[in-house]
Protein backbone atom coordinates (compact mmCIF):
# COMPACT_ATOMS: atom_id res chain seq x y z
CA MET A 1 48.66 111.27 95.49
CA THR A 2 50.38 112.55 98.62
CA THR A 3 53.06 110.46 100.29
CA ASN A 4 54.88 110.80 103.58
CA THR A 5 58.23 110.02 102.00
CA ASP A 6 59.68 113.44 102.81
CA LYS A 7 58.72 113.12 106.47
CA ILE A 8 60.05 109.57 106.65
CA LEU A 9 63.37 110.58 105.07
CA THR A 10 63.74 113.57 107.40
CA THR A 11 63.07 111.33 110.39
CA MET A 12 65.45 108.61 109.19
CA PHE A 13 68.31 111.01 108.57
CA GLY A 14 67.73 112.60 111.95
CA ARG A 15 67.46 109.38 113.93
CA LEU A 16 70.02 107.25 112.15
CA LEU A 17 72.63 109.82 111.18
CA GLN A 18 71.82 112.72 113.52
CA PHE A 19 71.90 114.82 110.38
CA GLU A 20 69.45 117.39 109.03
CA VAL A 21 69.09 117.34 105.26
CA GLU A 22 68.10 120.44 103.31
CA ASP A 23 64.55 120.51 101.94
CA ASP A 24 65.66 120.52 98.29
CA ILE A 25 67.69 117.33 98.80
CA ILE A 26 64.78 115.67 100.64
CA HIS A 27 62.52 116.64 97.73
CA LYS A 28 64.89 115.05 95.19
CA LEU A 29 65.31 111.85 97.21
CA SER A 30 61.55 111.62 97.80
CA ALA A 31 60.91 111.84 94.07
CA VAL A 32 63.25 108.91 93.42
CA ILE A 33 61.72 106.76 96.14
CA ASP A 34 58.15 107.55 95.10
CA SER A 35 58.99 106.88 91.44
CA VAL A 36 60.44 103.44 92.19
CA THR A 37 57.50 102.62 94.46
CA ASP A 38 55.03 103.67 91.76
CA ARG A 39 56.81 101.54 89.15
CA ILE A 40 56.46 98.39 91.19
CA GLY A 41 52.91 99.23 92.13
CA GLY A 42 53.66 99.63 95.82
CA ASN A 43 52.47 96.11 96.55
CA PHE A 44 54.30 92.85 96.29
CA ASP A 45 53.97 89.54 98.04
CA LEU A 46 57.05 88.72 100.10
CA GLU A 47 55.84 85.12 100.26
CA THR A 48 56.78 84.62 96.60
CA VAL A 49 60.20 84.58 94.95
CA GLN A 50 59.05 87.25 92.51
CA GLY A 51 57.91 89.48 95.39
CA GLN A 52 61.18 88.97 97.24
CA ASN A 53 63.20 89.78 94.12
CA THR A 54 61.11 92.90 93.49
CA PHE A 55 61.78 94.01 97.06
CA ARG A 56 65.51 93.32 96.61
CA ALA A 57 65.50 95.35 93.39
CA LEU A 58 63.84 98.24 95.21
CA LEU A 59 66.44 98.18 97.98
CA CYS A 60 69.30 97.85 95.50
CA SER A 61 68.06 100.81 93.49
CA MET A 62 68.01 102.92 96.66
CA VAL A 63 71.57 101.86 97.55
CA VAL A 64 72.85 102.52 94.03
CA HIS A 65 71.14 105.91 93.91
CA GLY A 66 72.67 106.83 97.27
CA TRP A 67 76.08 105.63 96.11
CA GLY A 68 75.74 107.78 93.00
CA ASN A 69 75.05 110.78 95.23
CA GLY A 70 78.23 110.19 97.20
CA MET A 71 76.76 108.20 100.06
CA HIS A 72 79.25 105.35 100.16
CA PRO A 73 82.06 104.14 102.42
CA TYR A 74 84.69 105.96 100.37
CA HIS A 75 82.95 109.30 100.76
CA ASN A 76 80.95 109.11 103.97
CA PRO A 77 80.07 112.53 105.42
């Protein structure tokens, strides 16, 4: 399955941070995002508490992964 995660990440970094990320980093981050999305099935109902909590868990995992890679207020490039 082909995703657009790499393109989305490149666009987000460019628009939000005015920063160009190297392709190998984009590839690593894309793999993490796609893996988490695959684990939750890519579909959840935000009308239910379970769906909302799944979405929160997805966002939290992205924040924690970023923090682990040095993207946090104490080490902001």
